[in-house]
Protein backbone atom coordinates (compact mmCIF):
# COMPACT_ATOMS: atom_id res chain seq x y z
CA MET A 1 10.22 6.19 -25.88
CA ALA A 2 6.98 5.50 -24.01
CA ASP A 3 7.08 3.12 -21.07
CA PRO A 4 5.46 -0.33 -22.24
CA LYS A 5 2.15 -0.98 -20.85
CA PRO A 6 2.18 -3.13 -17.75
CA SER A 7 0.68 -6.92 -17.85
CA LEU A 8 -2.22 -7.76 -15.70
CA PRO A 9 -0.47 -9.19 -13.19
CA GLY A 10 1.91 -6.10 -13.05
CA ARG A 11 -1.32 -3.81 -12.85
CA ILE A 12 -2.69 -6.12 -9.87
CA SER A 13 0.76 -5.82 -8.02
CA LEU A 14 0.74 -2.10 -8.90
CA ALA A 15 -2.76 -1.55 -7.47
CA PHE A 16 -2.61 -3.57 -4.56
CA GLY A 17 0.72 -1.47 -3.46
CA THR A 18 -0.93 1.86 -4.12
CA PHE A 19 -3.85 0.88 -2.10
CA PHE A 20 -1.58 0.60 0.88
CA ALA A 21 0.60 3.28 0.01
CA ILE A 22 -2.66 5.63 -0.02
CA LEU A 23 -3.66 4.49 3.41
CA GLY A 24 -0.42 5.52 4.58
CA ASN A 25 -0.04 8.72 2.90
CA ALA A 26 -2.76 11.58 2.86
CA ASP A 27 -0.46 13.54 0.61
CA LEU A 28 -0.35 10.50 -2.28
CA ALA A 29 -4.30 9.97 -1.48
CA SER A 30 -4.99 13.72 -2.31
CA SER A 31 -2.78 13.59 -5.47
CA ILE A 32 -4.56 10.65 -6.64
CA ARG A 33 -7.86 12.13 -6.34
CA ARG A 34 -7.13 15.21 -8.06
CA LEU A 35 -5.97 12.87 -10.88
CA ARG A 36 -9.18 11.01 -10.79
CA THR A 37 -11.41 13.87 -10.84
CA GLY A 38 -9.49 15.43 -13.92
CA ALA A 39 -7.89 18.27 -12.41
CA ALA A 40 -4.80 19.66 -14.11
CA ALA A 41 -1.57 17.94 -13.94
CA GLU A 42 -0.15 21.16 -12.86
CA SER A 43 -1.89 21.08 -9.67
CA VAL A 44 -0.10 17.55 -8.75
CA PRO A 45 2.94 18.31 -6.54
CA GLU A 46 6.27 17.25 -8.23
CA ALA A 47 8.46 14.74 -6.51
CA PRO A 48 11.46 16.49 -4.72
CA PRO A 49 14.57 16.23 -6.88
CA GLU A 50 16.64 13.11 -6.59
CA THR A 51 19.79 13.53 -4.21
CA ALA A 52 21.28 10.12 -4.87
CA PRO A 53 21.79 8.20 -7.97
CA VAL A 54 18.46 6.04 -9.18
CA SER A 55 18.98 2.51 -8.98
CA PRO A 56 17.86 0.58 -11.81
CA LEU A 57 14.54 -1.29 -11.60
CA ARG A 58 14.42 -4.92 -11.27
CA GLU A 59 11.33 -7.28 -12.37
CA VAL A 60 9.60 -8.51 -9.42
CA ALA A 61 7.43 -11.53 -9.82
CA PRO A 62 3.90 -10.74 -8.84
CA ASP A 63 3.21 -14.22 -6.93
CA ALA A 64 3.48 -13.15 -3.30
CA ALA A 65 1.38 -9.91 -4.02
CA LEU A 66 -1.11 -12.10 -5.80
CA GLN A 67 -0.92 -14.75 -3.01
CA LEU A 68 -1.36 -12.03 -0.10
CA LEU A 69 -4.54 -10.45 -2.24
CA ALA A 70 -5.98 -13.90 -2.34
CA LEU A 71 -5.44 -14.40 1.32
CA LEU A 72 -7.25 -11.05 1.92
CA GLN A 73 -10.01 -11.88 -0.46
CA ARG A 74 -10.52 -15.29 1.32
CA GLU A 75 -10.33 -14.13 4.75
CA ALA A 76 -12.04 -10.44 4.38
CA ARG A 77 -13.62 -10.34 0.95
CA LEU A 78 -11.35 -7.64 0.32
CA VAL A 79 -11.79 -7.58 -3.66
CA ASP A 80 -15.76 -7.79 -3.18
CA PHE A 81 -15.86 -5.23 -0.88
CA VAL A 82 -13.72 -2.69 -3.03
CA GLU A 83 -15.40 -4.00 -6.20
CA GLU A 84 -19.01 -3.24 -4.91
CA ASP A 85 -20.84 0.02 -5.81
CA ILE A 86 -21.25 1.23 -2.25
CA ALA A 87 -23.04 4.57 -3.48
CA ALA A 88 -26.73 3.23 -2.98
CA TYR A 89 -25.90 1.94 0.70
CA ALA A 90 -26.47 3.65 3.88
CA ASP A 91 -23.43 4.57 5.72
CA ALA A 92 -24.17 2.30 8.67
CA ASP A 93 -24.48 -0.54 6.06
CA VAL A 94 -21.17 0.52 4.61
CA GLY A 95 -19.52 0.90 8.49
CA ALA A 96 -20.97 -2.54 9.11
CA ALA A 97 -19.48 -4.15 6.01
CA ALA A 98 -16.19 -2.36 6.69
CA ARG A 99 -15.89 -3.62 10.11
CA LEU A 100 -16.03 -7.36 8.84
CA VAL A 101 -13.47 -6.46 5.91
CA HIS A 102 -11.17 -4.93 8.59
CA ASP A 103 -11.46 -7.94 10.96
CA GLY A 104 -10.60 -10.29 8.18
CA CYS A 105 -7.85 -8.39 6.78
CA ARG A 106 -6.22 -7.98 10.51
CA LYS A 107 -6.75 -11.75 10.72
CA ALA A 108 -5.01 -12.46 7.65
CA LEU A 109 -2.03 -10.00 8.15
CA ARG A 110 -1.33 -11.23 11.65
CA GLU A 111 -1.43 -15.09 10.66
CA HIS A 112 0.97 -14.47 7.63
CA PHE A 113 2.89 -11.65 8.47
CA SER A 114 5.03 -10.03 11.81
CA LEU A 115 4.73 -6.29 11.72
CA GLU A 116 6.91 -3.96 13.75
CA PRO A 117 6.81 -0.09 13.70
CA VAL A 118 9.80 1.56 11.67
CA ARG A 119 9.69 4.20 14.63
CA HIS A 120 8.89 3.43 18.01
CA GLU A 121 8.08 7.00 19.18
CA ASN A 122 4.49 8.08 19.48
CA GLU A 123 2.60 9.59 16.40
CA GLY A 124 2.94 13.66 17.37
CA ASP A 125 6.16 13.27 19.17
CA ARG A 126 9.10 15.31 17.89
CA ILE A 127 11.98 13.50 16.67
CA SER A 128 15.39 14.45 14.92
CA LEU A 129 16.88 12.49 11.73
CA PRO A 130 20.54 12.63 11.89
CA ALA A 131 22.72 12.52 8.72
CA GLY A 132 22.74 9.21 6.91
CA PHE A 133 19.04 8.25 8.09
CA ASP A 134 17.58 5.59 6.14
CA ALA A 135 15.46 7.26 3.49
CA ALA A 136 13.83 4.36 2.30
CA ALA A 137 12.33 3.71 5.85
CA ILE A 138 11.52 7.22 6.61
CA ARG A 139 9.95 9.60 4.19
CA VAL A 140 10.60 13.24 4.91
CA SER A 141 7.83 15.61 3.63
CA GLY A 142 6.83 19.53 4.28
CA ASN A 143 9.54 22.34 3.84
CA VAL A 144 12.74 20.04 3.50
CA VAL A 145 15.48 22.38 2.85
CA GLY A 146 19.32 21.85 3.22
CA GLN A 147 21.09 18.62 4.75
CA PRO A 148 20.57 16.57 7.87
CA PRO A 149 20.13 16.47 10.70
CA PHE A 150 16.15 17.35 10.26
CA ALA A 151 13.89 17.91 13.11
CA GLY A 152 10.34 17.33 12.77
CA GLN A 153 6.82 15.92 13.83
CA LEU A 154 6.43 12.08 13.69
CA THR A 155 3.28 11.67 11.59
CA HIS A 156 3.43 8.09 10.86
CA ARG A 157 5.33 5.44 12.63
CA GLY A 158 5.59 3.37 9.31
CA TRP A 159 5.43 -0.44 9.47
CA ARG A 160 8.27 -2.95 8.76
CA VAL A 161 7.60 -6.62 7.95
CA ALA A 162 9.79 -8.82 10.47
CA ALA A 163 8.73 -12.04 9.25
CA SER A 164 6.32 -13.50 6.52
CA ARG A 165 4.79 -16.83 6.43
CA LEU A 166 3.31 -17.10 2.98
CA PRO A 167 2.18 -20.44 2.35
CA SER A 168 4.18 -22.42 -0.52
CA LEU A 169 2.65 -22.48 -3.84
CA SER A 170 2.07 -26.06 -5.37
CA GLN A 171 3.80 -26.59 -8.97
CA GLY A 172 1.67 -25.22 -11.74
CA HIS A 173 -0.68 -23.01 -9.55
CA ASP A 174 -2.21 -20.09 -11.25
CA SER A 175 -1.88 -17.01 -8.82
CA THR A 176 -3.49 -14.93 -11.01
CA ILE A 177 -6.92 -16.40 -9.52
CA ILE A 178 -7.36 -14.82 -6.48
CA ALA A 179 -10.99 -16.22 -5.86
CA PRO A 180 -12.46 -19.17 -7.92
CA ALA A 181 -15.73 -18.59 -9.52
CA GLU A 182 -18.34 -20.16 -7.38
CA VAL A 183 -21.19 -22.52 -8.71
CA GLU A 184 -23.87 -24.04 -6.50
CA LEU A 185 -25.63 -26.89 -7.99
């Protein structure tokens, strides 16, 4: 049976999560680029075989993701920037706009989240992963053969949310409106 098509809030949540996943994973970004340019499906690397039973998926209310997206829009105009066709702009103009978006996103994240690295070593350091390491917190890539312990180079320290301070939502708040339309009279 085919997967049901995700709802609009589900697609927004998926897009938002994918956006940050692409920023943190060059291999994923490369795979998505190949898919978007119409490259053959066989050129997309297959996921490694599962070694543990897969937990059943649970529905997640998209309110928190939509609320964060609204905060990033309010502080950084992130959605406006991403939805703008920037092909006609000079690189310097795009860079200047990106700096403003970056500053606003950073402000929103720092105001509403406490972030800490998953690993405290420097990127580029050689590290060892013992048997039983947290596979949800550490993604192993490259030539993964055999069982842990694994030794490799840290390519990204990862991020963990230590604290979240999203504002409370009022009863009846429509979280799908991430930025209201504006009308000047």
